[in-house]
Amino acid sequence: MESLTTLIVAASAAYVSTNVDGYALLLGFFSNERYRAVEIVVGQFISMAAQLALSAAIMQLGLLKEAPLIGLAGVVPLTVGLMRIADLRRRGDVRTGETRHRSQSRNGCAGRIAAVAVVATSGAIDNVLVYASVLAGRASLEFLLVASAFGVLTALLCAGALLTARSRVSATTVQRATGCVAPFFTTAIGVALLIRFDTLPWIYSFA
């Protein structure tokens, strides 16, 4: 029971830390009147299912076998995070994202759901690698447990973004705040993976 609790805590921490920017993205969708809440929620759940499926595929194919190699997954979020931090002075992401959402929202219900799923998944490459590292060496039952936890967390993420977007709090202000914080979380994830799996000493050994 203790190991399962540890797994849930680790998986939850991975989910929360990799979805700070996802929260800002959901705020943009929920603030767009052309999208219905149910379409956004369904699209987000499809994206999460796709991310888990990709993570499982990576593990099933044995692409991450040794601990130092697993840690190399941290290079992606580390690089992405540093690039986003360097780009913070030229923030046009939120407005650009909102414009993109409006142009896509002219499609039907299925098109809007697909738009949410595609946008949410396209920016989650680092998420997939982080989830794969958390699931490394886990049994099927443990994978299902993590998937269930992610389902609950996704529901809470959507609910939080919806309540924020519909409240008196400026969604744009929250988006900008989370957009500024997200790169640092992403960078921290990359560093944590490199340290957790002793990847840095492994890389240094080749020098």
C-alpha atoms as a PDB file:
ATOM      1  CA  MET A   1       0.000   0.000   0.000  1.00  0.00           C
ATOM      2  CA  GLU A   2       2.853   2.323   0.832  1.00  0.00           C
ATOM      3  CA  SER A   3       4.436   1.837  -2.599  1.00  0.00           C
ATOM      4  CA  LEU A   4       1.119   2.579  -4.306  1.00  0.00           C
ATOM      5  CA  THR A   5       0.751   5.742  -2.244  1.00  0.00           C
ATOM      6  CA  THR A   6       4.260   6.801  -3.228  1.00  0.00           C
ATOM      7  CA  LEU A   7       3.434   6.123  -6.872  1.00  0.00           C
ATOM      8  CA  ILE A   8       0.268   8.232  -6.727  1.00  0.00           C
ATOM      9  CA  VAL A   9       2.133  11.094  -5.060  1.00  0.00           C
ATOM     10  CA  ALA A  10       4.918  10.951  -7.655  1.00  0.00           C
ATOM     11  CA  ALA A  11       2.438  10.741 -10.546  1.00  0.00           C
ATOM     12  CA  SER A  12       0.348  13.602  -9.154  1.00  0.00           C
ATOM     13  CA  ALA A  13       3.439  15.770  -8.707  1.00  0.00           C
ATOM     14  CA  ALA A  14       4.468  15.019 -12.298  1.00  0.00           C
ATOM     15  CA  TYR A  15       0.983  15.885 -13.576  1.00  0.00           C
ATOM     16  CA  VAL A  16       0.678  19.147 -11.666  1.00  0.00           C
ATOM     17  CA  SER A  17       4.172  20.349 -12.559  1.00  0.00           C
ATOM     18  CA  THR A  18       3.702  19.603 -16.269  1.00  0.00           C
ATOM     19  CA  ASN A  19       0.251  21.178 -16.558  1.00  0.00           C
ATOM     20  CA  VAL A  20       0.835  24.710 -15.332  1.00  0.00           C
ATOM     21  CA  ASP A  21       1.000  25.878 -18.940  1.00  0.00           C
ATOM     22  CA  GLY A  22      -1.936  23.574 -19.729  1.00  0.00           C
ATOM     23  CA  TYR A  23      -3.991  25.501 -17.204  1.00  0.00           C
ATOM     24  CA  ALA A  24      -3.208  28.755 -18.996  1.00  0.00           C
ATOM     25  CA  LEU A  25      -4.190  27.127 -22.293  1.00  0.00           C
ATOM     26  CA  LEU A  26      -7.531  25.975 -20.881  1.00  0.00           C
ATOM     27  CA  LEU A  27      -8.221  29.501 -19.641  1.00  0.00           C
ATOM     28  CA  GLY A  28      -7.905  30.708 -23.215  1.00  0.00           C
ATOM     29  CA  PHE A  29     -10.405  28.131 -24.447  1.00  0.00           C
ATOM     30  CA  PHE A  30     -12.903  28.700 -21.638  1.00  0.00           C
ATOM     31  CA  SER A  31     -12.684  32.459 -22.227  1.00  0.00           C
ATOM     32  CA  ASN A  32     -13.662  31.932 -25.867  1.00  0.00           C
ATOM     33  CA  GLU A  33     -17.454  32.055 -26.090  1.00  0.00           C
ATOM     34  CA  ARG A  34     -17.475  30.003 -29.303  1.00  0.00           C
ATOM     35  CA  TYR A  35     -16.364  26.938 -27.365  1.00  0.00           C
ATOM     36  CA  ARG A  36     -18.755  25.096 -25.100  1.00  0.00           C
ATOM     37  CA  ALA A  37     -17.390  23.859 -21.799  1.00  0.00           C
ATOM     38  CA  VAL A  38     -18.195  20.236 -22.597  1.00  0.00           C
ATOM     39  CA  GLU A  39     -16.225  20.448 -25.875  1.00  0.00           C
ATOM     40  CA  ILE A  40     -13.169  21.758 -24.061  1.00  0.00           C
ATOM     41  CA  VAL A  41     -13.394  19.112 -21.333  1.00  0.00           C
ATOM     42  CA  VAL A  42     -13.782  16.272 -23.843  1.00  0.00           C
ATOM     43  CA  GLY A  43     -10.867  17.594 -25.899  1.00  0.00           C
ATOM     44  CA  GLN A  44      -8.684  17.821 -22.807  1.00  0.00           C
ATOM     45  CA  PHE A  45      -9.507  14.251 -21.775  1.00  0.00           C
ATOM     46  CA  ILE A  46      -8.707  13.025 -25.291  1.00  0.00           C
ATOM     47  CA  SER A  47      -5.363  14.809 -25.082  1.00  0.00           C
ATOM     48  CA  MET A  48      -4.596  13.229 -21.713  1.00  0.00           C
ATOM     49  CA  ALA A  49      -5.509   9.771 -23.036  1.00  0.00           C
ATOM     50  CA  ALA A  50      -3.201  10.335 -26.014  1.00  0.00           C
ATOM     51  CA  GLN A  51      -0.356  11.413 -23.737  1.00  0.00           C
ATOM     52  CA  LEU A  52      -0.758   8.320 -21.561  1.00  0.00           C
ATOM     53  CA  ALA A  53      -0.940   6.082 -24.631  1.00  0.00           C
ATOM     54  CA  LEU A  54       2.286   7.566 -25.993  1.00  0.00           C
ATOM     55  CA  SER A  55       3.953   7.165 -22.591  1.00  0.00           C
ATOM     56  CA  ALA A  56       2.865   3.518 -22.447  1.00  0.00           C
ATOM     57  CA  ALA A  57       4.133   2.957 -26.002  1.00  0.00           C
ATOM     58  CA  ILE A  58       7.533   4.350 -25.102  1.00  0.00           C
ATOM     59  CA  MET A  59       7.755   1.991 -22.145  1.00  0.00           C
ATOM     60  CA  GLN A  60       6.371  -0.999 -24.080  1.00  0.00           C
ATOM     61  CA  LEU A  61       8.913  -0.550 -26.852  1.00  0.00           C
ATOM     62  CA  GLY A  62      11.663  -0.482 -24.260  1.00  0.00           C
ATOM     63  CA  LEU A  63      12.963   2.881 -25.400  1.00  0.00           C
ATOM     64  CA  LEU A  64      13.819   3.751 -21.810  1.00  0.00           C
ATOM     65  CA  LYS A  65      15.549   0.771 -20.245  1.00  0.00           C
ATOM     66  CA  GLU A  66      18.463   2.051 -18.214  1.00  0.00           C
ATOM     67  CA  ALA A  67      18.130   4.696 -15.525  1.00  0.00           C
ATOM     68  CA  PRO A  68      20.593   7.197 -17.110  1.00  0.00           C
ATOM     69  CA  LEU A  69      18.736   6.893 -20.422  1.00  0.00           C
ATOM     70  CA  ILE A  70      15.445   7.585 -18.689  1.00  0.00           C
ATOM     71  CA  GLY A  71      16.982  10.710 -17.239  1.00  0.00           C
ATOM     72  CA  LEU A  72      17.833  11.914 -20.752  1.00  0.00           C
ATOM     73  CA  ALA A  73      14.111  12.571 -21.128  1.00  0.00           C
ATOM     74  CA  GLY A  74      14.767  15.571 -18.909  1.00  0.00           C
ATOM     75  CA  VAL A  75      16.726  17.249 -21.698  1.00  0.00           C
ATOM     76  CA  VAL A  76      13.465  18.010 -23.526  1.00  0.00           C
ATOM     77  CA  PRO A  77      11.617  19.875 -20.735  1.00  0.00           C
ATOM     78  CA  LEU A  78      14.905  21.507 -19.667  1.00  0.00           C
ATOM     79  CA  THR A  79      15.528  22.870 -23.167  1.00  0.00           C
ATOM     80  CA  VAL A  80      11.908  23.902 -23.679  1.00  0.00           C
ATOM     81  CA  GLY A  81      11.795  25.602 -20.292  1.00  0.00           C
ATOM     82  CA  LEU A  82      15.001  27.562 -20.857  1.00  0.00           C
ATOM     83  CA  MET A  83      13.817  28.659 -24.301  1.00  0.00           C
ATOM     84  CA  ARG A  84      10.513  29.860 -22.843  1.00  0.00           C
ATOM     85  CA  ILE A  85      12.287  31.722 -20.042  1.00  0.00           C
ATOM     86  CA  ALA A  86      14.507  33.450 -22.607  1.00  0.00           C
ATOM     87  CA  ASP A  87      11.394  34.374 -24.580  1.00  0.00           C
ATOM     88  CA  LEU A  88       9.405  35.816 -21.674  1.00  0.00           C
ATOM     89  CA  ARG A  89      10.256  39.378 -22.728  1.00  0.00           C
ATOM     90  CA  ARG A  90       8.542  38.822 -26.046  1.00  0.00           C
ATOM     91  CA  ARG A  91       5.295  37.426 -24.744  1.00  0.00           C
ATOM     92  CA  GLY A  92       2.724  37.161 -27.504  1.00  0.00           C
ATOM     93  CA  ASP A  93       1.684  33.592 -26.694  1.00  0.00           C
ATOM     94  CA  VAL A  94      -1.627  34.319 -25.004  1.00  0.00           C
ATOM     95  CA  ARG A  95      -2.947  36.687 -27.620  1.00  0.00           C
ATOM     96  CA  THR A  96      -1.684  34.538 -30.463  1.00  0.00           C
ATOM     97  CA  GLY A  97      -3.270  31.485 -28.873  1.00  0.00           C
ATOM     98  CA  GLU A  98      -6.602  33.245 -28.473  1.00  0.00           C
ATOM     99  CA  THR A  99      -6.564  34.305 -32.118  1.00  0.00           C
ATOM    100  CA  ARG A 100      -5.776  30.769 -33.184  1.00  0.00           C
ATOM    101  CA  HIS A 101      -8.626  29.413 -31.068  1.00  0.00           C
ATOM    102  CA  ARG A 102     -11.103  31.841 -32.615  1.00  0.00           C
ATOM    103  CA  SER A 103     -10.108  30.920 -36.141  1.00  0.00           C
ATOM    104  CA  GLN A 104     -10.503  27.219 -35.413  1.00  0.00           C
ATOM    105  CA  SER A 105     -13.771  27.547 -33.537  1.00  0.00           C
ATOM    106  CA  ARG A 106     -15.762  28.054 -36.725  1.00  0.00           C
ATOM    107  CA  ASN A 107     -15.768  24.288 -37.184  1.00  0.00           C
ATOM    108  CA  GLY A 108     -18.530  22.072 -35.812  1.00  0.00           C
ATOM    109  CA  CYS A 109     -18.607  20.422 -32.419  1.00  0.00           C
ATOM    110  CA  ALA A 110     -16.255  17.609 -33.469  1.00  0.00           C
ATOM    111  CA  GLY A 111     -13.885  20.146 -35.013  1.00  0.00           C
ATOM    112  CA  ARG A 112     -13.764  22.217 -31.835  1.00  0.00           C
ATOM    113  CA  ILE A 113     -13.117  19.129 -29.705  1.00  0.00           C
ATOM    114  CA  ALA A 114     -10.349  18.090 -32.091  1.00  0.00           C
ATOM    115  CA  ALA A 115      -8.869  21.599 -31.953  1.00  0.00           C
ATOM    116  CA  VAL A 116      -8.639  21.456 -28.152  1.00  0.00           C
ATOM    117  CA  ALA A 117      -7.142  17.959 -28.239  1.00  0.00           C
ATOM    118  CA  VAL A 118      -4.573  18.804 -30.916  1.00  0.00           C
ATOM    119  CA  VAL A 119      -3.462  22.079 -29.324  1.00  0.00           C
ATOM    120  CA  ALA A 120      -3.228  20.495 -25.862  1.00  0.00           C
ATOM    121  CA  THR A 121      -1.298  17.473 -27.131  1.00  0.00           C
ATOM    122  CA  SER A 122       1.074  19.314 -29.458  1.00  0.00           C
ATOM    123  CA  GLY A 123       2.634  21.183 -26.553  1.00  0.00           C
ATOM    124  CA  ALA A 124       2.919  18.125 -24.311  1.00  0.00           C
ATOM    125  CA  ILE A 125       5.966  16.282 -25.641  1.00  0.00           C
ATOM    126  CA  ASP A 126       7.800  16.938 -22.395  1.00  0.00           C
ATOM    127  CA  ASN A 127       4.747  15.668 -20.477  1.00  0.00           C
ATOM    128  CA  VAL A 128       4.868  12.343 -22.321  1.00  0.00           C
ATOM    129  CA  LEU A 129       8.531  11.784 -21.502  1.00  0.00           C
ATOM    130  CA  VAL A 130       8.011  12.707 -17.858  1.00  0.00           C
ATOM    131  CA  TYR A 131       5.031  10.343 -17.557  1.00  0.00           C
ATOM    132  CA  ALA A 132       7.018   7.577 -19.242  1.00  0.00           C
ATOM    133  CA  SER A 133       9.779   7.962 -16.673  1.00  0.00           C
ATOM    134  CA  VAL A 134       7.255   7.793 -13.821  1.00  0.00           C
ATOM    135  CA  LEU A 135       5.700   4.648 -15.305  1.00  0.00           C
ATOM    136  CA  ALA A 136       9.058   2.946 -15.923  1.00  0.00           C
ATOM    137  CA  GLY A 137       8.968  -0.630 -14.637  1.00  0.00           C
ATOM    138  CA  ARG A 138       5.366  -0.394 -13.436  1.00  0.00           C
ATOM    139  CA  ALA A 139       2.849  -3.225 -13.682  1.00  0.00           C
ATOM    140  CA  SER A 140      -0.453  -2.953 -15.584  1.00  0.00           C
ATOM    141  CA  LEU A 141      -2.423  -2.425 -12.375  1.00  0.00           C
ATOM    142  CA  GLU A 142      -0.155   0.430 -11.373  1.00  0.00           C
ATOM    143  CA  PHE A 143      -0.546   1.987 -14.825  1.00  0.00           C
ATOM    144  CA  LEU A 144      -4.340   1.853 -14.467  1.00  0.00           C
ATOM    145  CA  LEU A 145      -4.039   3.445 -11.037  1.00  0.00           C
ATOM    146  CA  VAL A 146      -1.972   6.299 -12.453  1.00  0.00           C
ATOM    147  CA  ALA A 147      -4.411   6.690 -15.359  1.00  0.00           C
ATOM    148  CA  SER A 148      -7.301   6.958 -12.877  1.00  0.00           C
ATOM    149  CA  ALA A 149      -5.416   9.563 -10.850  1.00  0.00           C
ATOM    150  CA  PHE A 150      -4.709  11.544 -14.027  1.00  0.00           C
ATOM    151  CA  GLY A 151      -8.401  11.384 -14.895  1.00  0.00           C
ATOM    152  CA  VAL A 152      -9.343  12.930 -11.543  1.00  0.00           C
ATOM    153  CA  LEU A 153      -6.623  15.566 -11.869  1.00  0.00           C
ATOM    154  CA  THR A 154      -7.729  16.421 -15.414  1.00  0.00           C
ATOM    155  CA  ALA A 155     -11.287  16.935 -14.176  1.00  0.00           C
ATOM    156  CA  LEU A 156      -9.998  19.208 -11.396  1.00  0.00           C
ATOM    157  CA  LEU A 157      -7.800  21.096 -13.869  1.00  0.00           C
ATOM    158  CA  CYS A 158     -10.752  21.725 -16.176  1.00  0.00           C
ATOM    159  CA  ALA A 159     -12.998  22.732 -13.278  1.00  0.00           C
ATOM    160  CA  GLY A 160     -10.414  25.153 -11.936  1.00  0.00           C
ATOM    161  CA  ALA A 161      -9.842  26.763 -15.329  1.00  0.00           C
ATOM    162  CA  LEU A 162     -13.604  27.026 -15.955  1.00  0.00           C
ATOM    163  CA  LEU A 163     -14.279  28.636 -12.575  1.00  0.00           C
ATOM    164  CA  THR A 164     -11.427  31.086 -13.088  1.00  0.00           C
ATOM    165  CA  ALA A 165     -12.568  32.011 -16.591  1.00  0.00           C
ATOM    166  CA  ARG A 166     -16.174  32.550 -15.449  1.00  0.00           C
ATOM    167  CA  SER A 167     -15.268  34.452 -12.263  1.00  0.00           C
ATOM    168  CA  ARG A 168     -14.558  38.149 -11.866  1.00  0.00           C
ATOM    169  CA  VAL A 169     -10.856  37.465 -11.883  1.00  0.00           C
ATOM    170  CA  SER A 170      -9.257  38.548 -15.150  1.00  0.00           C
ATOM    171  CA  ALA A 171      -8.524  35.392 -17.133  1.00  0.00           C
ATOM    172  CA  THR A 172      -5.908  37.291 -19.121  1.00  0.00           C
ATOM    173  CA  THR A 173      -4.077  38.255 -15.934  1.00  0.00           C
ATOM    174  CA  VAL A 174      -4.095  34.663 -14.703  1.00  0.00           C
ATOM    175  CA  GLN A 175      -2.937  33.435 -18.118  1.00  0.00           C
ATOM    176  CA  ARG A 176      -0.009  35.817 -18.078  1.00  0.00           C
ATOM    177  CA  ALA A 177       0.896  34.813 -14.526  1.00  0.00           C
ATOM    178  CA  THR A 178       0.784  31.084 -15.252  1.00  0.00           C
ATOM    179  CA  GLY A 179       2.580  31.678 -18.535  1.00  0.00           C
ATOM    180  CA  CYS A 180       5.435  33.285 -16.597  1.00  0.00           C
ATOM    181  CA  VAL A 181       5.557  30.519 -13.984  1.00  0.00           C
ATOM    182  CA  ALA A 182       5.193  27.545 -16.363  1.00  0.00           C
ATOM    183  CA  PRO A 183       8.678  27.796 -17.971  1.00  0.00           C
ATOM    184  CA  PHE A 184      10.332  27.569 -14.561  1.00  0.00           C
ATOM    185  CA  PHE A 185       8.272  24.485 -13.662  1.00  0.00           C
ATOM    186  CA  THR A 186       9.215  22.906 -16.991  1.00  0.00           C
ATOM    187  CA  THR A 187      12.894  23.646 -16.441  1.00  0.00           C
ATOM    188  CA  ALA A 188      12.720  22.230 -12.910  1.00  0.00           C
ATOM    189  CA  ILE A 189      11.197  19.002 -14.276  1.00  0.00           C
ATOM    190  CA  GLY A 190      14.110  18.567 -16.646  1.00  0.00           C
ATOM    191  CA  VAL A 191      16.693  19.160 -13.938  1.00  0.00           C
ATOM    192  CA  ALA A 192      14.868  16.816 -11.542  1.00  0.00           C
ATOM    193  CA  LEU A 193      14.894  13.981 -14.087  1.00  0.00           C
ATOM    194  CA  LEU A 194      18.588  14.424 -14.817  1.00  0.00           C
ATOM    195  CA  ILE A 195      19.342  14.291 -11.090  1.00  0.00           C
ATOM    196  CA  ARG A 196      16.892  11.536 -10.160  1.00  0.00           C
ATOM    197  CA  PHE A 197      18.315   9.006 -12.628  1.00  0.00           C
ATOM    198  CA  ASP A 198      21.992   9.985 -12.161  1.00  0.00           C
ATOM    199  CA  THR A 199      22.188  11.078 -15.771  1.00  0.00           C
ATOM    200  CA  LEU A 200      24.623  13.940 -15.244  1.00  0.00           C
ATOM    201  CA  PRO A 201      27.405  11.705 -13.795  1.00  0.00           C
ATOM    202  CA  TRP A 202      26.689   9.214 -16.601  1.00  0.00           C
ATOM    203  CA  ILE A 203      27.152  11.911 -19.241  1.00  0.00           C
ATOM    204  CA  TYR A 204      30.282  13.165 -17.483  1.00  0.00           C
ATOM    205  CA  SER A 205      31.750   9.636 -17.606  1.00  0.00           C
ATOM    206  CA  PHE A 206      32.012   9.948 -21.403  1.00  0.00           C
ATOM    207  CA  ALA A 207      34.072  13.120 -21.143  1.00  0.00           C
END
